[in-house]
């Protein structure tokens, strides 16, 4: 039997506010346990929550970016469950009336096609604290620093049909929230984490299968592996005549398997009801329009613009647009040099990206400013530097404070472009290698590369490669006609 995978994702994006959703406590990562939990976060008697205006603005920005409806009236509810790291005994969330409804996100598939994934809703809620089990010898420690941290939970439609599609959706969403500057997207710190609802059904069947939820997966690679494992687990169960249980499961990356955590709760298990301490949230159309005016150029818009304005390939434009800081760096360099966009892309995405990856640096912290990179590209563009010499200059630029022109002058790296000088070197090489010349004349065309290499070696890499090729072809052709 052929099986179809059905996946829906729930993504928790931690909003990039300095304070929590209902209190003034800090949200900074890495503080000592329980130093960023105030009386409101700890639910001490008599305290009342006050909504952080900034989280509303960030939720509206997200809604606008995916073409969703931003609700004029949304309501906070109490989601009741009991767990040690939940101080109040309930979580403040949104249920029946979320702030964002509908919308969609276009994702790029492996075959180059675009797929539109529906978004069911996005709602605001507070995070819980954290239970720590490892260091307490049979006991559990509780850190409430995260309690009250603002989250935007983004729920997709069950439109995804493979683990790779799920990862593409996640990466696209990850790029979007960082472009909007509403989430830093740091998966290691838990700022962007995912729950995957996975089910299988016979191909062609309309009804959905029983789903399992894989909880809190925090890397793209683990999401893909967890879904692939879960799909095979469910298929094997059904083919053995057993039934898939609706449950929450955890992914164990060491064993590459999912395992049961608890039976899957339904909404009525949480006994949702409107929070009496919080008024309905009203967002006027005028406020939405003001927020719309502050929206940045979105990744898809940037990709299309790069293709048309700079005549880049879809591949190059997608790579650049996928990282806002990278795209900004590219355009900053392009404004400072007459070099073609493709040359800028090749160096930014090639040598510079490789050097940054080697030392694990983001482009925003690059030792090479756009000005320095433009200075190097200027000398490549005007043929002062060959590709080989440019790489040598790049290494010096990376290590120090000098600019390209100073390095060229101090090291004597100007490219040789005088045809008469290059012709002299070519003649010397031909005279020194009569055996190879005879073999070339006898039809061993591959020896052309030998002569090019010898000329470049003799010129210490300074000869213009294009001129070398053209002049050498002409010279060898003349030798064959003698």
Protein backbone atom coordinates (compact mmCIF):
# COMPACT_ATOMS: atom_id res chain seq x y z
CA UNK A 1 0.00 0.00 0.00
CA UNK A 2 1.15 3.53 -0.80
CA UNK A 3 1.07 5.90 2.15
CA UNK A 4 0.77 9.67 2.30
CA UNK A 5 2.34 11.71 5.08
CA UNK A 6 0.38 14.61 6.57
CA UNK A 7 2.22 17.18 8.70
CA UNK A 8 1.13 20.31 10.49
CA UNK A 9 3.58 22.41 12.49
CA UNK A 10 3.16 24.53 15.61
CA UNK A 11 6.06 26.94 15.97
CA UNK A 12 6.76 28.89 19.14
CA UNK A 13 8.64 32.09 18.29
CA UNK A 14 9.92 33.99 21.32
CA UNK A 15 9.20 37.65 20.70
CA UNK A 16 12.22 39.94 20.86
CA UNK A 17 10.99 42.26 23.60
CA UNK A 18 13.18 43.41 26.47
CA UNK A 19 10.49 42.66 29.03
CA UNK A 20 7.90 39.93 29.49
CA UNK A 21 4.39 39.77 28.09
CA UNK A 22 2.58 40.67 31.33
CA UNK A 23 5.33 42.10 33.54
CA UNK A 24 8.37 44.37 33.44
CA UNK A 25 10.84 41.55 34.22
CA UNK A 26 13.75 41.14 31.79
CA UNK A 27 13.83 38.47 29.06
CA UNK A 28 17.63 38.39 28.53
CA UNK A 29 19.02 34.89 28.01
CA UNK A 30 21.58 33.30 30.32
CA UNK A 31 20.85 34.99 33.67
CA UNK A 32 21.32 33.11 36.93
CA UNK A 33 18.25 30.96 37.78
CA UNK A 34 15.28 32.83 39.23
CA UNK A 35 16.87 36.27 38.94
CA UNK A 36 14.45 37.42 36.21
CA UNK A 37 11.16 36.31 37.73
CA UNK A 38 9.13 39.02 39.44
CA UNK A 39 6.01 38.80 41.64
CA UNK A 40 3.73 38.73 38.56
CA UNK A 41 5.69 35.90 36.91
CA UNK A 42 5.58 33.91 40.16
CA UNK A 43 1.82 34.51 40.60
CA UNK A 44 2.12 35.89 44.11
CA UNK A 45 -1.22 36.83 45.74
CA UNK A 46 -2.78 40.11 44.61
CA UNK A 47 -0.70 40.65 41.45
CA UNK A 48 -2.31 41.52 38.11
CA UNK A 49 -0.96 41.11 34.56
CA UNK A 50 -0.49 44.15 32.29
CA UNK A 51 -0.15 43.48 28.55
CA UNK A 52 3.10 44.56 26.88
CA UNK A 53 2.16 46.82 23.92
CA UNK A 54 5.23 45.77 21.94
CA UNK A 55 4.16 42.11 21.70
CA UNK A 56 0.93 43.24 20.03
CA UNK A 57 2.86 45.25 17.44
CA UNK A 58 5.07 42.24 16.69
CA UNK A 59 2.07 39.92 16.29
CA UNK A 60 0.43 42.41 13.91
CA UNK A 61 3.63 42.61 11.84
CA UNK A 62 3.62 38.85 11.47
CA UNK A 63 -0.04 38.82 10.48
CA UNK A 64 0.55 41.46 7.81
CA UNK A 65 3.59 39.60 6.45
CA UNK A 66 1.59 36.42 5.74
CA UNK A 67 -1.54 38.13 4.42
CA UNK A 68 -3.62 37.15 7.44
CA UNK A 69 -6.58 38.82 9.08
CA UNK A 70 -5.56 40.82 12.13
CA UNK A 71 -8.47 40.55 14.55
CA UNK A 72 -9.95 43.83 15.73
CA UNK A 73 -10.91 42.03 18.95
CA UNK A 74 -9.02 39.09 20.46
CA UNK A 75 -9.25 37.56 23.91
CA UNK A 76 -6.75 36.11 26.37
CA UNK A 77 -7.77 32.86 28.03
CA UNK A 78 -6.55 30.71 30.87
CA UNK A 79 -5.24 27.32 29.77
CA UNK A 80 -5.43 25.19 32.90
CA UNK A 81 -2.91 22.46 33.62
CA UNK A 82 -0.73 21.60 36.57
CA UNK A 83 3.01 21.24 36.27
CA UNK A 84 5.79 22.36 38.63
CA UNK A 85 7.21 25.00 36.28
CA UNK A 86 3.82 26.72 35.78
CA UNK A 87 3.53 29.01 38.83
CA UNK A 88 -0.12 30.04 38.41
CA UNK A 89 -1.46 26.58 37.63
CA UNK A 90 -2.59 27.96 34.26
CA UNK A 91 -1.00 29.55 31.21
CA UNK A 92 -2.31 32.80 29.76
CA UNK A 93 -2.85 32.16 26.05
CA UNK A 94 -5.41 32.86 23.32
CA UNK A 95 -7.90 30.22 22.27
CA UNK A 96 -11.18 30.96 20.47
CA UNK A 97 -10.29 34.51 19.44
CA UNK A 98 -6.58 34.77 18.42
CA UNK A 99 -4.98 37.98 17.21
CA UNK A 100 -4.00 36.52 13.79
CA UNK A 101 -6.28 34.32 11.68
CA UNK A 102 -5.51 32.71 8.32
CA UNK A 103 -2.73 33.68 5.94
CA UNK A 104 -0.18 31.60 4.07
CA UNK A 105 3.52 31.14 3.49
CA UNK A 106 5.14 30.22 0.15
CA UNK A 107 7.99 27.73 0.40
CA UNK A 108 10.57 26.63 -2.15
CA UNK A 109 10.66 22.88 -2.81
CA UNK A 110 13.67 20.81 -3.91
CA UNK A 111 12.51 20.73 -7.55
CA UNK A 112 12.42 24.53 -7.65
CA UNK A 113 8.63 24.79 -7.47
CA UNK A 114 6.74 26.96 -5.01
CA UNK A 115 4.20 25.50 -2.58
CA UNK A 116 1.72 27.57 -0.61
CA UNK A 117 1.23 26.43 2.99
CA UNK A 118 -1.84 27.67 4.84
CA UNK A 119 -1.55 29.22 8.29
CA UNK A 120 -4.45 28.49 10.61
CA UNK A 121 -3.70 31.08 13.26
CA UNK A 122 -1.03 32.83 15.30
CA UNK A 123 -1.73 33.68 18.90
CA UNK A 124 0.03 35.34 21.81
CA UNK A 125 0.85 33.49 25.00
CA UNK A 126 3.30 33.34 27.88
CA UNK A 127 6.03 30.74 28.27
CA UNK A 128 6.35 28.52 31.32
CA UNK A 129 9.43 28.12 33.51
CA UNK A 130 11.92 25.31 33.17
CA UNK A 131 12.31 22.08 35.15
CA UNK A 132 15.92 20.96 35.68
CA UNK A 133 16.51 17.29 36.45
CA UNK A 134 20.20 16.60 35.83
CA UNK A 135 22.01 18.29 38.73
CA UNK A 136 19.79 17.60 41.72
CA UNK A 137 20.33 13.93 42.60
CA UNK A 138 16.80 12.59 42.34
CA UNK A 139 15.11 15.96 42.78
CA UNK A 140 13.93 18.61 40.32
CA UNK A 141 15.11 22.22 40.24
CA UNK A 142 12.83 24.98 38.99
CA UNK A 143 14.03 28.06 37.10
CA UNK A 144 11.27 30.61 36.54
CA UNK A 145 13.32 33.03 34.43
CA UNK A 146 11.41 32.00 31.30
CA UNK A 147 8.00 32.22 33.00
CA UNK A 148 6.06 35.01 31.30
CA UNK A 149 8.39 35.29 28.30
CA UNK A 150 6.27 36.37 25.30
CA UNK A 151 5.61 33.78 22.60
CA UNK A 152 3.83 33.89 19.26
CA UNK A 153 2.54 30.41 18.47
CA UNK A 154 2.18 29.99 14.71
CA UNK A 155 0.00 27.05 13.66
CA UNK A 156 0.10 25.76 10.07
CA UNK A 157 -2.58 23.89 8.20
CA UNK A 158 -1.82 20.16 7.68
CA UNK A 159 -0.54 20.97 4.18
CA UNK A 160 2.98 19.53 4.41
CA UNK A 161 3.60 16.12 2.85
CA UNK A 162 7.19 15.22 3.74
CA UNK A 163 9.92 15.91 6.27
CA UNK A 164 11.80 17.97 3.67
CA UNK A 165 8.73 20.14 3.03
CA UNK A 166 8.42 20.66 6.79
CA UNK A 167 12.03 21.80 7.01
CA UNK A 168 11.59 24.15 4.04
CA UNK A 169 8.54 25.68 5.76
CA UNK A 170 10.45 26.06 9.04
CA UNK A 171 13.44 27.69 7.36
CA UNK A 172 11.18 30.08 5.45
CA UNK A 173 9.33 31.02 8.63
CA UNK A 174 12.63 31.36 10.51
CA UNK A 175 13.90 33.81 7.88
CA UNK A 176 10.64 35.76 7.99
CA UNK A 177 10.52 36.35 11.77
CA UNK A 178 14.15 37.49 11.73
CA UNK A 179 13.47 39.89 8.83
CA UNK A 180 10.58 41.34 10.79
CA UNK A 181 12.92 41.59 13.82
CA UNK A 182 10.24 40.07 16.02
CA UNK A 183 12.34 37.01 16.98
CA UNK A 184 16.08 36.38 17.00
CA UNK A 185 15.50 32.81 15.80
CA UNK A 186 18.13 31.33 18.11
CA UNK A 187 17.13 27.67 18.21
CA UNK A 188 19.87 26.68 20.68
CA UNK A 189 18.45 29.13 23.23
CA UNK A 190 14.87 28.01 22.62
CA UNK A 191 13.79 31.21 20.86
CA UNK A 192 12.40 29.27 17.90
CA UNK A 193 11.10 25.78 18.55
CA UNK A 194 8.68 23.45 16.86
CA UNK A 195 6.02 20.86 17.64
CA UNK A 196 5.28 18.57 14.68
CA UNK A 197 1.87 16.88 14.28
CA UNK A 198 2.45 13.82 12.11
CA UNK A 199 0.01 11.27 10.68
CA UNK A 200 -0.17 8.90 7.72
CA UNK A 201 -3.06 7.75 5.54
CA UNK A 202 -3.48 5.52 2.47
CA UNK A 203 -2.79 7.51 -0.68
CA UNK A 204 -6.03 8.93 -2.03
CA UNK A 205 -7.88 8.79 1.28
CA UNK A 206 -9.48 12.10 2.30
CA UNK A 207 -9.84 11.43 6.02
CA UNK A 208 -6.82 12.22 8.18
CA UNK A 209 -5.07 9.51 10.15
CA UNK A 210 -4.50 9.56 13.92
CA UNK A 211 -1.73 12.04 14.66
CA UNK A 212 1.12 12.03 17.10
CA UNK A 213 2.70 15.29 18.25
CA UNK A 214 6.50 15.45 18.46
CA UNK A 215 7.23 18.06 21.09
CA UNK A 216 9.86 20.84 21.27
CA UNK A 217 12.29 19.96 18.49
CA UNK A 218 14.93 22.70 18.27
CA UNK A 219 16.96 22.14 15.09
CA UNK A 220 16.09 21.79 11.41
CA UNK A 221 18.05 18.54 11.14
CA UNK A 222 16.33 16.99 14.15
CA UNK A 223 12.89 18.01 12.83
CA UNK A 224 13.61 16.17 9.59
CA UNK A 225 14.95 13.07 11.35
CA UNK A 226 12.13 13.01 13.93
CA UNK A 227 9.41 13.22 11.27
CA UNK A 228 11.05 10.56 9.09
CA UNK A 229 11.28 8.20 12.05
CA UNK A 230 7.71 8.87 13.17
CA UNK A 231 6.30 8.28 9.66
CA UNK A 232 8.01 4.88 9.43
CA UNK A 233 6.89 4.00 12.97
CA UNK A 234 3.25 4.74 12.20
CA UNK A 235 3.29 2.87 8.88
CA UNK A 236 4.84 -0.19 10.55
CA UNK A 237 2.18 -0.11 13.31
CA UNK A 238 -0.73 0.04 10.85
CA UNK A 239 0.71 -2.65 8.58
CA UNK A 240 0.98 -4.95 11.63
CA UNK A 241 -2.71 -4.44 12.28
CA UNK A 242 -2.18 -2.14 15.26
CA UNK A 243 -3.48 1.40 15.80
CA UNK A 244 -1.62 4.68 16.14
CA UNK A 245 -2.28 6.31 19.51
CA UNK A 246 -2.98 10.03 19.71
CA UNK A 247 -0.19 11.09 22.02
CA UNK A 248 2.65 13.51 22.61
CA UNK A 249 6.11 12.10 21.90
CA UNK A 250 9.68 13.29 22.46
CA UNK A 251 12.51 12.94 19.97
CA UNK A 252 15.73 11.34 21.26
CA UNK A 253 18.51 12.59 18.96
CA UNK A 254 21.08 10.16 20.41
CA UNK A 255 18.96 7.12 19.52
CA UNK A 256 17.23 8.80 16.54
CA UNK A 257 13.78 7.74 17.72
CA UNK A 258 10.61 9.19 19.18
CA UNK A 259 9.18 7.88 22.45
CA UNK A 260 5.89 8.44 24.31
CA UNK A 261 5.65 11.42 26.67
CA UNK A 262 1.94 11.59 27.54
CA UNK A 263 -1.46 11.02 25.97
CA UNK A 264 -2.42 13.90 23.68
CA UNK A 265 -4.66 16.44 25.36
CA UNK A 266 -7.68 18.00 23.68
CA UNK A 267 -8.85 21.59 24.20
CA UNK A 268 -11.52 20.55 26.71
CA UNK A 269 -8.83 18.93 28.88
CA UNK A 270 -7.41 22.41 29.49
CA UNK A 271 -10.76 23.94 30.53
CA UNK A 272 -10.11 27.20 28.67
CA UNK A 273 -12.04 30.27 29.81
CA UNK A 274 -11.47 34.03 29.27
CA UNK A 275 -8.96 35.49 31.70
CA UNK A 276 -10.92 37.82 34.02
CA UNK A 277 -7.79 39.88 34.77
CA UNK A 278 -7.29 40.96 31.14
CA UNK A 279 -9.63 43.02 28.98
CA UNK A 280 -10.25 41.97 25.37
CA UNK A 281 -7.43 43.18 23.12
CA UNK A 282 -8.71 45.74 20.60
CA UNK A 283 -6.56 46.56 17.57
CA UNK A 284 -7.97 49.34 15.40
CA UNK A 285 -7.55 49.47 11.63
CA UNK A 286 -5.74 52.81 12.06
CA UNK A 287 -3.18 51.18 14.35
CA UNK A 288 -2.70 48.31 11.89
CA UNK A 289 -2.03 50.80 9.09
CA UNK A 290 0.56 52.63 11.20
CA UNK A 291 2.32 49.32 11.85
CA UNK A 292 2.14 48.47 8.13
CA UNK A 293 4.12 51.62 7.36
CA UNK A 294 7.02 50.31 9.49
CA UNK A 295 7.22 46.94 7.70
CA UNK A 296 10.56 46.07 6.05
CA UNK A 297 11.00 44.60 2.60
CA UNK A 298 10.16 40.91 3.04
CA UNK A 299 12.40 38.02 1.87
CA UNK A 300 10.22 37.10 -1.14
CA UNK A 301 10.03 40.73 -2.25
CA UNK A 302 13.79 41.08 -1.91
CA UNK A 303 14.46 37.89 -3.90
CA UNK A 304 12.28 39.07 -6.79
CA UNK A 305 13.89 42.53 -6.74
CA UNK A 306 17.42 41.06 -6.78
CA UNK A 307 16.55 38.93 -9.80
CA UNK A 308 15.23 41.90 -11.76
CA UNK A 309 17.34 44.82 -10.52
CA UNK A 310 20.70 43.02 -10.48
CA UNK A 311 19.95 40.26 -13.02
CA UNK A 312 20.90 37.55 -10.55
CA UNK A 313 19.88 33.94 -10.95
CA UNK A 314 16.99 32.68 -8.82
CA UNK A 315 19.53 30.59 -6.87
CA UNK A 316 21.84 33.52 -6.05
CA UNK A 317 18.92 35.82 -5.25
CA UNK A 318 17.38 33.22 -2.91
CA UNK A 319 20.65 32.66 -1.05
CA UNK A 320 21.15 36.37 -0.49
CA UNK A 321 17.54 37.16 0.40
CA UNK A 322 17.47 34.28 2.88
CA UNK A 323 19.67 36.21 5.31
CA UNK A 324 18.90 39.89 5.86
CA UNK A 325 22.39 40.85 7.09
CA UNK A 326 23.93 39.10 4.07
CA UNK A 327 21.59 40.88 1.66
CA UNK A 328 22.33 44.23 3.31
CA UNK A 329 26.09 43.60 3.07
CA UNK A 330 25.80 42.67 -0.62
CA UNK A 331 23.92 45.85 -1.46
CA UNK A 332 26.28 47.99 0.61
CA UNK A 333 29.25 46.62 -1.37
CA UNK A 334 27.45 47.03 -4.68
CA UNK A 335 26.87 50.73 -4.01
CA UNK A 336 30.64 51.24 -3.60
CA UNK A 337 31.94 49.47 -6.71
CA UNK A 338 31.31 49.49 -10.47
CA UNK A 339 31.95 45.72 -10.47
CA UNK A 340 29.02 43.63 -11.79
CA UNK A 341 26.59 42.15 -9.28
CA UNK A 342 27.61 38.59 -10.19
CA UNK A 343 31.25 39.28 -9.26
CA UNK A 344 30.10 40.75 -5.92
CA UNK A 345 27.91 37.69 -5.25
CA UNK A 346 30.75 35.30 -6.07
CA UNK A 347 33.09 36.92 -3.56
CA UNK A 348 30.52 37.54 -0.82
CA UNK A 349 29.02 34.05 -1.07
CA UNK A 350 32.37 32.40 -1.86
CA UNK A 351 35.63 33.49 -0.23
CA UNK A 352 34.06 35.77 2.39
CA UNK A 353 31.38 33.25 3.44
CA UNK A 354 34.00 30.47 3.67
CA UNK A 355 36.28 32.62 5.83
CA UNK A 356 33.39 33.57 8.14
CA UNK A 357 32.24 29.96 8.48
CA UNK A 358 35.76 28.87 9.36
CA UNK A 359 35.77 31.08 12.46
CA UNK A 360 31.99 30.81 13.07
CA UNK A 361 31.26 34.51 12.52
CA UNK A 362 28.07 36.09 11.21
CA UNK A 363 28.48 38.52 8.32
CA UNK A 364 27.38 41.36 10.59
CA UNK A 365 30.68 40.83 12.47
CA UNK A 366 32.85 40.44 9.36
CA UNK A 367 36.44 41.76 9.67
CA UNK A 368 36.01 42.98 6.08
CA UNK A 369 33.75 46.02 5.96
CA UNK A 370 31.74 46.64 2.76
CA UNK A 371 34.26 49.41 1.98
CA UNK A 372 37.21 47.00 2.12
CA UNK A 373 35.43 44.39 0.05
CA UNK A 374 34.50 47.03 -2.53
CA UNK A 375 38.15 48.16 -2.68
CA UNK A 376 39.23 44.62 -3.53
CA UNK A 377 36.51 44.19 -6.16
CA UNK A 378 37.46 47.52 -7.77
CA UNK A 379 40.97 46.22 -8.45
CA UNK A 380 39.64 42.92 -9.82
CA UNK A 381 37.19 44.75 -12.04
CA UNK A 382 39.82 47.10 -13.53
CA UNK A 383 42.23 44.15 -14.10
CA UNK A 384 44.79 45.38 -11.58
CA UNK A 385 44.45 42.01 -9.84
CA UNK A 386 44.03 38.54 -11.28
CA UNK A 387 41.84 36.04 -9.46
CA UNK A 388 44.87 34.41 -7.86
CA UNK A 389 46.40 37.70 -6.72
CA UNK A 390 43.00 38.84 -5.43
CA UNK A 391 42.83 35.79 -3.14
CA UNK A 392 46.26 36.69 -1.79
CA UNK A 393 45.13 40.25 -1.10
CA UNK A 394 41.93 38.96 0.50
CA UNK A 395 43.91 36.92 3.03
CA UNK A 396 45.94 40.00 4.00
CA UNK A 397 42.78 42.12 4.26
CA UNK A 398 41.22 39.49 6.51
CA UNK A 399 44.17 39.53 8.90
CA UNK A 400 44.84 43.28 9.17
CA UNK A 401 43.81 46.89 8.76
CA UNK A 402 45.45 47.73 5.42
CA UNK A 403 43.39 48.50 2.32
CA UNK A 404 43.72 46.81 -1.06
CA UNK A 405 45.70 49.55 -2.81
CA UNK A 406 48.27 49.69 0.02
CA UNK A 407 48.72 45.91 -0.05
CA UNK A 408 49.17 45.91 -3.84
CA UNK A 409 51.78 48.67 -3.65
CA UNK A 410 53.73 47.19 -0.75
CA UNK A 411 53.83 43.69 -2.24
CA UNK A 412 54.15 44.60 -5.88
CA UNK A 413 51.06 42.65 -6.85
CA UNK A 414 49.88 44.64 -9.85
CA UNK A 415 48.63 42.37 -12.60
CA UNK A 416 50.78 42.27 -15.74
CA UNK A 417 48.69 43.52 -18.66
CA UNK A 418 51.43 44.67 -21.06
CA UNK A 419 51.06 42.35 -24.07
CA UNK A 420 54.70 42.70 -25.10
CA UNK A 421 55.91 41.58 -21.65
CA UNK A 422 53.56 38.59 -21.67
CA UNK A 423 54.67 37.66 -25.22
CA UNK A 424 58.32 37.66 -24.08
CA UNK A 425 57.51 35.23 -21.27
CA UNK A 426 55.50 33.01 -23.65
CA UNK A 427 58.44 32.85 -26.06
CA UNK A 428 60.81 31.95 -23.22
CA UNK A 429 58.54 29.09 -22.11
CA UNK A 430 58.20 27.74 -25.67
CA UNK A 431 61.96 27.88 -26.16
CA UNK A 432 62.55 26.02 -22.86
CA UNK A 433 60.10 23.21 -23.65
CA UNK A 434 60.73 21.92 -27.19
CA UNK A 435 59.54 18.38 -26.33
CA UNK A 436 56.17 19.59 -25.09
CA UNK A 437 55.90 21.91 -28.09
CA UNK A 438 56.47 19.00 -30.46
CA UNK A 439 53.86 16.88 -28.67
CA UNK A 440 51.37 19.75 -28.78
CA UNK A 441 52.02 20.19 -32.49
CA UNK A 442 51.43 16.44 -32.90
CA UNK A 443 47.92 16.84 -31.52
CA UNK A 444 48.18 16.63 -27.71
CA UNK A 445 45.91 19.62 -27.10
CA UNK A 446 45.84 19.07 -23.35
CA UNK A 447 49.42 20.39 -23.21
CA UNK A 448 47.97 23.87 -23.72
CA UNK A 449 47.23 23.93 -19.98
CA UNK A 450 50.88 23.04 -19.32
CA UNK A 451 52.06 26.10 -21.24
CA UNK A 452 49.51 28.35 -19.48
CA UNK A 453 50.72 27.09 -16.12
CA UNK A 454 54.36 27.68 -16.97
CA UNK A 455 53.66 31.25 -18.15
CA UNK A 456 51.72 32.03 -14.96
CA UNK A 457 54.50 30.51 -12.87
CA UNK A 458 57.17 32.53 -14.65
CA UNK A 459 55.14 35.73 -14.15
CA UNK A 460 54.62 34.83 -10.46
CA UNK A 461 50.87 34.82 -11.05
CA UNK A 462 50.83 38.42 -12.23
CA UNK A 463 50.06 37.90 -15.91
CA UNK A 464 46.45 38.52 -16.91
CA UNK A 465 45.05 34.99 -17.46
CA UNK A 466 42.74 36.04 -20.31
CA UNK A 467 45.61 37.72 -22.15
CA UNK A 468 47.86 34.73 -21.52
CA UNK A 469 45.29 32.37 -23.06
CA UNK A 470 44.67 34.56 -26.10
CA UNK A 471 48.35 35.35 -26.80
CA UNK A 472 49.48 31.77 -26.18
CA UNK A 473 46.87 30.37 -28.59
CA UNK A 474 48.03 32.80 -31.24
CA UNK A 475 51.69 32.00 -30.63
CA UNK A 476 51.27 28.23 -30.68
CA UNK A 477 49.12 28.48 -33.80
CA UNK A 478 51.97 30.43 -35.44
CA UNK A 479 54.51 27.79 -34.38
CA UNK A 480 52.38 25.07 -35.98
CA UNK A 481 52.30 27.02 -39.25
CA UNK A 482 56.08 27.40 -39.40
